[in-house]
C-alpha cells in the first residue's frame, strides 16, 4: 500500500477540512469514508428531471460570522447569497420565524413598535411565571410567555426530541432570540448562501490534492483490523465516539430522522425553502422545498415540478443514522467515559459532530477542524 502519514476516518466537513490542511502542510493523507460518497450529511443529489439540488439529509444553509472559516471555505466555492427565511404553520395560519415584530404583531393582532416589543414580551412572561424548578419549558416561558411558547415551541420540541419539554435541560433554550425588528432572516450572520456549483463540489475541491487519497465504502472500524501496516499512524476520527469503542459503556442517546421525499407537479409548493409545523396535528416537524435554495437558477425555479421533503424525527437505534445528540446529565456522564478512553489512545484525535457528540453548524464544524489540525501541526 502507498505510504501515508495520516489517516482521516470520515469524509464529512470536519474530516475533509482536516485532510486538506494536512495535505497542504505536506502530509500524505488517506481519507476513509463509510458511505459510498464523501460529504457526510451535507451530501446532495441532483434530480434528473428538474435539475434541483436535493439535500439528501435535510436542508443545509451555510452561514457564519467567523472570518477564518469564511476565508477558508471561499477558497474552494462561491456562494449565491441566498438568505434563509423560515415560516411556521400554526392552526392554519402562516407566520415568519424567528420570534420578532412580524410574528408577535400577527399572532396578537397588534402593531407594536421596536421600542414597545421588549416590554410587551416581559409582561407576557411575567404573567406566565412557573413554579420552582428550571427546565426547557419553564425557561422558555420565562423568556416569551406561555401563549407564544405553546403555539410555536412546545409541540415542535416534543416532536423533535420525543420527550416532554419539561424533561429537557433549560440550557437548550437559553439563547432563544426575540428580535425587536421586522427582520425575518432566520440567521443573523450576513455571510450566508448555498454554493453556486452545489455542496458536492465543495467536497470534491477540498479533497482534490495530490497528497490526498480517498477510499469510499470503507469503514475504518473494520478496515483497520486488516491493515496493520498503518498501525501507529495518527488517526483523525469523526465517526460516533461510542462506536469507536464498540459501545463498551452502552450507546450514547441520539435523535434520528426519517425523510419522505416527493416530486410534486406544481412549480412552487410552499413559496419558501422551509416551513415548520409547530402543532401536534401533523407528525412531521417541517417540509423542505429545495428549489428555493437556488433563486439564481432560472431553469430550476421555472421547472414545472418541484421536490419536497417531509422530515420526521424518530428515536435512534443501533444501525440508524445519528443526527442530534441528546444532552442530558446521563449522556454527559456516558460521553465522559468514552472521552477518557479516547484520551488513552496514542495518535488518536476524535472530533466533528459525531466524534465530539455535539451539534455543530457547518461553520463551527469547519472552525473546529481548523483549530484541531493546526494544534496537531504545531
Protein backbone atom coordinates (compact mmCIF):
# COMPACT_ATOMS: atom_id res chain seq x y z
CA UNK A 1 0.00 0.00 0.00
CA UNK A 2 1.07 3.56 -0.70
CA UNK A 3 2.94 5.25 2.13
CA UNK A 4 0.80 7.60 4.22
CA UNK A 5 1.49 9.88 7.15
CA UNK A 6 -2.05 10.31 8.48
CA UNK A 7 -5.43 8.57 8.31
CA UNK A 8 -8.65 10.62 8.32
CA UNK A 9 -11.67 8.45 9.15
CA UNK A 10 -14.84 10.16 7.96
CA UNK A 11 -15.25 12.48 4.98
CA UNK A 12 -17.78 14.98 6.20
CA UNK A 13 -17.00 18.67 6.65
CA UNK A 14 -14.72 18.10 9.63
CA UNK A 15 -12.75 15.27 8.05
CA UNK A 16 -12.38 16.91 4.64
CA UNK A 17 -11.18 20.16 6.21
CA UNK A 18 -8.64 18.27 8.32
CA UNK A 19 -7.45 16.33 5.27
CA UNK A 20 -6.99 19.47 3.17
CA UNK A 21 -4.99 21.37 5.79
CA UNK A 22 -2.78 18.35 6.47
CA UNK A 23 -2.17 17.84 2.75
CA UNK A 24 -1.21 21.48 2.27
CA UNK A 25 1.23 21.06 5.17
CA UNK A 26 2.95 18.28 3.23
CA UNK A 27 1.38 15.24 4.88
CA UNK A 28 0.31 12.22 2.81
CA UNK A 29 -3.31 11.66 3.84
CA UNK A 30 -5.57 8.64 3.44
CA UNK A 31 -9.27 9.52 3.77
CA UNK A 32 -11.67 6.66 4.52
CA UNK A 33 -15.44 7.11 4.18
CA UNK A 34 -18.01 4.56 5.30
CA UNK A 35 -20.65 5.74 2.83
CA UNK A 36 -20.45 5.34 -0.94
CA UNK A 37 -19.63 9.04 -1.42
CA UNK A 38 -17.94 11.82 0.54
CA UNK A 39 -19.79 14.75 2.07
CA UNK A 40 -21.37 13.35 5.23
CA UNK A 41 -24.82 14.71 5.93
CA UNK A 42 -24.23 17.67 3.61
CA UNK A 43 -24.19 15.34 0.59
CA UNK A 44 -26.67 16.31 -2.14
CA UNK A 45 -28.23 14.76 -5.24
CA UNK A 46 -29.29 16.39 -8.49
CA UNK A 47 -32.82 15.45 -9.52
CA UNK A 48 -32.60 14.26 -13.13
CA UNK A 49 -35.99 15.65 -14.16
CA UNK A 50 -35.86 19.15 -12.71
CA UNK A 51 -32.15 19.77 -12.06
CA UNK A 52 -32.97 20.62 -8.43
CA UNK A 53 -30.16 20.12 -5.92
CA UNK A 54 -31.77 17.91 -3.27
CA UNK A 55 -30.22 17.96 0.20
CA UNK A 56 -30.20 14.24 0.92
CA UNK A 57 -30.11 14.52 4.71
CA UNK A 58 -32.17 17.64 5.27
CA UNK A 59 -31.55 21.30 4.46
CA UNK A 60 -28.10 22.79 4.97
CA UNK A 61 -27.56 26.54 4.73
CA UNK A 62 -24.06 27.88 5.17
CA UNK A 63 -23.88 30.91 7.43
CA UNK A 64 -21.07 32.32 9.50
CA UNK A 65 -19.50 35.35 11.13
CA UNK A 66 -16.15 33.57 11.59
CA UNK A 67 -13.56 35.29 9.41
CA UNK A 68 -11.10 32.38 9.28
CA UNK A 69 -13.82 29.92 8.28
CA UNK A 70 -15.17 32.23 5.57
CA UNK A 71 -11.67 32.82 4.21
CA UNK A 72 -11.00 29.09 4.12
CA UNK A 73 -14.23 27.90 2.53
CA UNK A 74 -14.37 30.61 -0.13
CA UNK A 75 -11.05 29.38 -1.46
CA UNK A 76 -13.00 26.45 -2.86
CA UNK A 77 -16.51 27.68 -3.67
CA UNK A 78 -18.56 30.80 -4.32
CA UNK A 79 -21.88 31.27 -2.55
CA UNK A 80 -25.03 32.54 -4.20
CA UNK A 81 -26.03 34.94 -1.42
CA UNK A 82 -29.23 33.07 -0.50
CA UNK A 83 -30.75 34.44 2.73
CA UNK A 84 -32.61 31.85 4.77
CA UNK A 85 -36.19 32.55 5.83
CA UNK A 86 -38.34 30.07 7.72
CA UNK A 87 -42.11 30.04 8.01
CA UNK A 88 -44.17 28.36 10.71
CA UNK A 89 -47.64 26.87 10.32
CA UNK A 90 -49.87 27.01 13.38
CA UNK A 91 -53.65 26.50 13.39
CA UNK A 92 -53.88 27.01 9.62
CA UNK A 93 -52.02 30.30 9.69
CA UNK A 94 -48.50 31.03 8.46
CA UNK A 95 -46.00 33.09 10.44
CA UNK A 96 -42.44 34.25 9.90
CA UNK A 97 -39.83 32.91 12.29
CA UNK A 98 -37.88 33.78 14.35
CA UNK A 99 -39.85 35.47 17.09
CA UNK A 100 -39.92 39.17 16.33
CA UNK A 101 -42.22 42.05 15.46
CA UNK A 102 -43.60 40.30 12.37
CA UNK A 103 -44.70 37.21 14.26
CA UNK A 104 -45.75 38.86 17.53
CA UNK A 105 -47.88 41.54 15.89
CA UNK A 106 -49.60 38.99 13.66
CA UNK A 107 -50.14 36.50 16.47
CA UNK A 108 -51.58 39.01 18.94
CA UNK A 109 -53.24 41.30 16.37
CA UNK A 110 -51.13 44.25 17.49
CA UNK A 111 -48.97 46.92 15.91
CA UNK A 112 -46.10 47.14 18.37
CA UNK A 113 -43.06 49.24 17.57
CA UNK A 114 -39.47 48.06 18.20
CA UNK A 115 -39.28 50.03 21.44
CA UNK A 116 -42.57 48.54 22.69
CA UNK A 117 -41.81 44.88 22.00
CA UNK A 118 -39.40 44.14 24.89
CA UNK A 119 -41.83 45.47 27.50
CA UNK A 120 -44.73 43.54 25.95
CA UNK A 121 -42.77 40.27 25.94
CA UNK A 122 -41.61 40.87 29.51
CA UNK A 123 -45.21 41.42 30.60
CA UNK A 124 -46.33 38.22 28.88
CA UNK A 125 -43.52 36.28 30.51
CA UNK A 126 -44.18 37.78 33.94
CA UNK A 127 -47.83 36.80 33.68
CA UNK A 128 -46.87 33.22 32.89
CA UNK A 129 -44.29 32.52 35.57
CA UNK A 130 -44.00 28.89 36.55
CA UNK A 131 -43.27 27.45 39.94
CA UNK A 132 -39.99 26.09 41.24
CA UNK A 133 -37.76 24.02 39.01
CA UNK A 134 -35.95 25.15 35.88
CA UNK A 135 -36.28 23.10 32.72
CA UNK A 136 -36.74 23.72 28.99
CA UNK A 137 -40.40 24.65 29.39
CA UNK A 138 -40.10 26.95 32.38
CA UNK A 139 -37.06 28.64 30.84
CA UNK A 140 -38.87 29.25 27.54
CA UNK A 141 -41.98 30.59 29.25
CA UNK A 142 -39.86 32.94 31.35
CA UNK A 143 -38.45 34.35 28.09
CA UNK A 144 -41.55 34.70 25.89
CA UNK A 145 -44.68 33.83 27.90
CA UNK A 146 -47.00 30.85 27.67
CA UNK A 147 -49.06 31.71 24.52
CA UNK A 148 -46.05 32.01 22.21
CA UNK A 149 -44.40 29.01 23.82
CA UNK A 150 -47.43 26.78 23.36
CA UNK A 151 -48.01 27.92 19.79
CA UNK A 152 -44.51 27.76 18.35
CA UNK A 153 -42.22 25.78 20.64
CA UNK A 154 -43.86 23.20 22.88
CA UNK A 155 -45.23 20.67 20.39
CA UNK A 156 -42.45 21.20 17.87
CA UNK A 157 -39.96 20.44 20.64
CA UNK A 158 -41.94 17.39 21.72
CA UNK A 159 -41.79 16.03 18.15
CA UNK A 160 -38.14 16.96 17.69
CA UNK A 161 -36.86 15.32 20.85
CA UNK A 162 -39.51 12.70 21.54
CA UNK A 163 -39.74 13.97 25.11
CA UNK A 164 -41.89 16.21 27.23
CA UNK A 165 -40.13 19.61 27.16
CA UNK A 166 -40.21 19.60 30.96
CA UNK A 167 -37.74 16.71 30.85
CA UNK A 168 -35.24 18.66 28.75
CA UNK A 169 -32.46 20.87 30.06
CA UNK A 170 -33.03 24.61 30.30
CA UNK A 171 -29.66 25.06 28.58
CA UNK A 172 -31.17 24.07 25.22
CA UNK A 173 -33.39 27.15 25.13
CA UNK A 174 -31.23 29.71 26.94
CA UNK A 175 -30.40 31.68 23.82
CA UNK A 176 -33.92 31.86 22.40
CA UNK A 177 -33.86 35.02 20.28
CA UNK A 178 -36.62 37.62 20.25
CA UNK A 179 -35.95 40.34 17.71
CA UNK A 180 -37.30 43.84 18.23
CA UNK A 181 -37.44 44.39 14.48
CA UNK A 182 -39.14 43.22 11.29
CA UNK A 183 -36.02 41.34 10.19
CA UNK A 184 -37.24 37.90 9.12
CA UNK A 185 -33.85 36.49 8.15
CA UNK A 186 -33.58 33.30 10.17
CA UNK A 187 -29.85 33.70 10.78
CA UNK A 188 -28.19 36.90 11.92
CA UNK A 189 -24.96 36.12 10.02
CA UNK A 190 -24.63 38.37 6.97
CA UNK A 191 -22.39 35.78 5.29
CA UNK A 192 -24.90 33.25 4.02
CA UNK A 193 -25.59 31.19 0.98
CA UNK A 194 -25.57 27.94 -0.94
CA UNK A 195 -22.61 27.00 -3.17
CA UNK A 196 -23.34 28.11 -6.74
CA UNK A 197 -21.94 24.81 -8.01
CA UNK A 198 -23.59 22.72 -5.28
CA UNK A 199 -22.36 21.31 -2.00
CA UNK A 200 -20.81 18.25 -3.59
CA UNK A 201 -18.35 20.49 -5.42
CA UNK A 202 -17.05 21.76 -2.07
CA UNK A 203 -16.02 18.26 -1.02
CA UNK A 204 -14.58 17.41 -4.42
CA UNK A 205 -12.39 20.50 -4.32
CA UNK A 206 -11.34 20.06 -0.68
CA UNK A 207 -10.09 16.56 -1.50
CA UNK A 208 -8.54 17.50 -4.85
CA UNK A 209 -4.90 17.50 -3.76
CA UNK A 210 -2.01 15.25 -4.76
CA UNK A 211 -1.32 14.40 -1.13
CA UNK A 212 -4.85 13.05 -0.55
CA UNK A 213 -6.15 9.58 -1.43
CA UNK A 214 -9.81 8.70 -0.83
CA UNK A 215 -11.47 5.33 -0.33
CA UNK A 216 -15.28 5.20 -0.01
CA UNK A 217 -17.50 2.33 1.17
CA UNK A 218 -14.76 1.71 3.70
CA UNK A 219 -15.50 1.61 7.42
CA UNK A 220 -12.32 2.38 9.31
CA UNK A 221 -13.51 0.45 12.36
CA UNK A 222 -13.32 -2.80 10.38
CA UNK A 223 -10.70 -1.72 7.83
CA UNK A 224 -8.04 -1.01 10.50
CA UNK A 225 -8.01 -4.62 11.67
CA UNK A 226 -6.74 -5.85 8.31
CA UNK A 227 -4.22 -3.07 7.69
CA UNK A 228 -1.66 -3.44 10.44
CA UNK A 229 0.94 -1.72 8.25
CA UNK A 230 -0.72 1.60 9.15
CA UNK A 231 -0.73 0.93 12.88
CA UNK A 232 0.79 3.79 14.80
CA UNK A 233 -0.17 6.48 12.30
CA UNK A 234 -2.08 9.50 13.60
CA UNK A 235 -5.81 9.00 13.06
CA UNK A 236 -8.36 11.81 12.88
CA UNK A 237 -11.67 10.10 13.60
CA UNK A 238 -15.07 11.78 13.17
CA UNK A 239 -17.45 8.85 13.49
CA UNK A 240 -19.55 8.18 16.59
CA UNK A 241 -17.26 8.07 19.60
CA UNK A 242 -19.22 5.25 21.23
CA UNK A 243 -18.92 3.09 18.10
CA UNK A 244 -15.16 3.67 18.20
CA UNK A 245 -15.03 1.58 21.37
CA UNK A 246 -17.66 -0.98 20.43
CA UNK A 247 -20.32 0.68 22.63
CA UNK A 248 -18.37 -0.59 25.63
CA UNK A 249 -20.29 1.53 28.10
CA UNK A 250 -23.54 1.48 26.14
CA UNK A 251 -24.66 3.64 23.18
CA UNK A 252 -24.97 7.37 23.58
CA UNK A 253 -28.54 8.64 23.03
CA UNK A 254 -29.25 10.31 19.71
CA UNK A 255 -32.26 11.51 17.81
CA UNK A 256 -32.55 10.27 14.26
CA UNK A 257 -34.56 11.46 11.26
CA UNK A 258 -36.64 9.91 8.55
CA UNK A 259 -37.13 11.78 5.26
CA UNK A 260 -40.13 11.34 2.99
CA UNK A 261 -39.34 12.83 -0.41
CA UNK A 262 -41.94 13.62 -3.07
CA UNK A 263 -41.97 15.15 -6.56
CA UNK A 264 -44.99 17.42 -6.88
CA UNK A 265 -46.35 18.56 -10.25
CA UNK A 266 -46.51 22.25 -9.36
CA UNK A 267 -43.97 24.97 -9.99
CA UNK A 268 -43.96 26.15 -6.37
CA UNK A 269 -45.34 24.09 -3.48
CA UNK A 270 -44.94 26.34 -0.43
CA UNK A 271 -43.24 29.54 -1.55
CA UNK A 272 -40.11 29.13 0.55
CA UNK A 273 -37.43 26.58 1.36
CA UNK A 274 -38.57 25.51 4.85
CA UNK A 275 -41.91 25.58 6.66
CA UNK A 276 -42.06 24.38 10.26
CA UNK A 277 -45.21 22.66 11.50
CA UNK A 278 -45.43 23.59 15.15
CA UNK A 279 -48.66 21.88 16.15
CA UNK A 280 -49.41 18.28 17.18
CA UNK A 281 -51.81 17.76 14.25
CA UNK A 282 -49.07 16.59 11.87
CA UNK A 283 -46.37 14.03 12.73
CA UNK A 284 -43.51 15.76 10.88
CA UNK A 285 -41.64 18.84 12.01
CA UNK A 286 -41.05 20.58 8.69
CA UNK A 287 -41.26 20.47 4.91
CA UNK A 288 -38.26 21.35 2.77
CA UNK A 289 -38.63 22.61 -0.80
CA UNK A 290 -35.16 22.56 -2.29
CA UNK A 291 -35.53 24.63 -5.46
CA UNK A 292 -35.75 27.81 -3.37
CA UNK A 293 -32.09 27.45 -2.40
CA UNK A 294 -31.04 28.45 -5.91
CA UNK A 295 -33.10 31.53 -6.84
CA UNK A 296 -30.36 32.49 -9.29
CA UNK A 297 -31.07 29.39 -11.41
CA UNK A 298 -33.93 30.37 -13.73
CA UNK A 299 -34.24 26.86 -15.16
CA UNK A 300 -34.63 25.26 -11.76
CA UNK A 301 -37.00 27.92 -10.45
CA UNK A 302 -39.10 27.71 -13.61
CA UNK A 303 -39.35 23.91 -13.68
CA UNK A 304 -42.95 22.68 -13.81
CA UNK A 305 -42.33 20.27 -10.91
CA UNK A 306 -40.73 20.65 -7.51
CA UNK A 307 -39.18 18.36 -4.91
CA UNK A 308 -40.38 18.49 -1.32
CA UNK A 309 -39.28 16.50 1.70
CA UNK A 310 -41.12 15.92 4.96
CA UNK A 311 -38.89 15.48 7.99
CA UNK A 312 -39.87 13.06 10.76
CA UNK A 313 -37.77 12.92 13.93
CA UNK A 314 -37.56 9.46 15.43
CA UNK A 315 -35.94 7.50 18.20
CA UNK A 316 -32.43 6.37 17.32
CA UNK A 317 -31.42 2.71 17.47
CA UNK A 318 -28.23 0.92 16.52
CA UNK A 319 -27.95 0.95 12.75
CA UNK A 320 -29.84 4.24 12.33
CA UNK A 321 -28.20 7.49 11.29
CA UNK A 322 -27.42 9.66 14.33
CA UNK A 323 -28.35 13.32 13.88
CA UNK A 324 -28.87 15.17 17.15
CA UNK A 325 -27.09 14.40 20.43
CA UNK A 326 -29.46 14.24 23.38
CA UNK A 327 -27.84 16.42 26.01
CA UNK A 328 -28.78 15.21 29.48
CA UNK A 329 -26.77 14.70 32.69
CA UNK A 330 -26.74 10.95 31.98
CA UNK A 331 -25.47 11.39 28.41
CA UNK A 332 -22.73 13.75 29.61
CA UNK A 333 -21.52 11.15 32.10
CA UNK A 334 -21.50 8.48 29.41
CA UNK A 335 -19.67 10.77 26.98
CA UNK A 336 -17.00 11.45 29.63
CA UNK A 337 -16.29 7.71 29.86
CA UNK A 338 -15.72 7.47 26.11
CA UNK A 339 -13.63 10.63 26.05
CA UNK A 340 -11.44 9.18 28.78
CA UNK A 341 -10.93 6.04 26.68
CA UNK A 342 -10.03 8.13 23.64
CA UNK A 343 -7.51 10.10 25.66
CA UNK A 344 -5.65 6.87 26.43
CA UNK A 345 -5.09 6.14 22.74
CA UNK A 346 -1.82 7.43 21.33
CA UNK A 347 -2.12 9.21 17.97
CA UNK A 348 -5.93 9.33 18.09
CA UNK A 349 -7.73 12.64 17.57
CA UNK A 350 -11.52 12.48 17.86
CA UNK A 351 -13.69 15.33 16.64
CA UNK A 352 -16.54 16.52 14.50
CA UNK A 353 -20.24 16.32 15.22
CA UNK A 354 -20.35 12.58 15.87
CA UNK A 355 -16.95 12.23 17.50
CA UNK A 356 -17.48 15.21 19.76
CA UNK A 357 -21.15 14.38 20.43
CA UNK A 358 -22.03 18.00 19.70
CA UNK A 359 -24.43 19.69 17.34
CA UNK A 360 -22.26 21.84 15.08
CA UNK A 361 -23.45 24.24 12.43
CA UNK A 362 -21.36 23.86 9.29
CA UNK A 363 -19.12 26.82 10.05
CA UNK A 364 -18.47 25.56 13.56
CA UNK A 365 -17.54 22.13 12.22
CA UNK A 366 -15.02 23.70 9.84
CA UNK A 367 -13.75 26.02 12.57
CA UNK A 368 -13.25 23.15 15.00
CA UNK A 369 -11.41 21.18 12.31
CA UNK A 370 -9.09 24.11 11.59
CA UNK A 371 -8.29 24.54 15.28
CA UNK A 372 -7.75 20.82 15.78
CA UNK A 373 -5.41 20.27 12.86
CA UNK A 374 -3.46 23.48 13.47
CA UNK A 375 -2.87 22.37 17.05
CA UNK A 376 -1.66 18.99 15.74
CA UNK A 377 0.78 20.64 13.33
CA UNK A 378 2.34 22.93 15.95
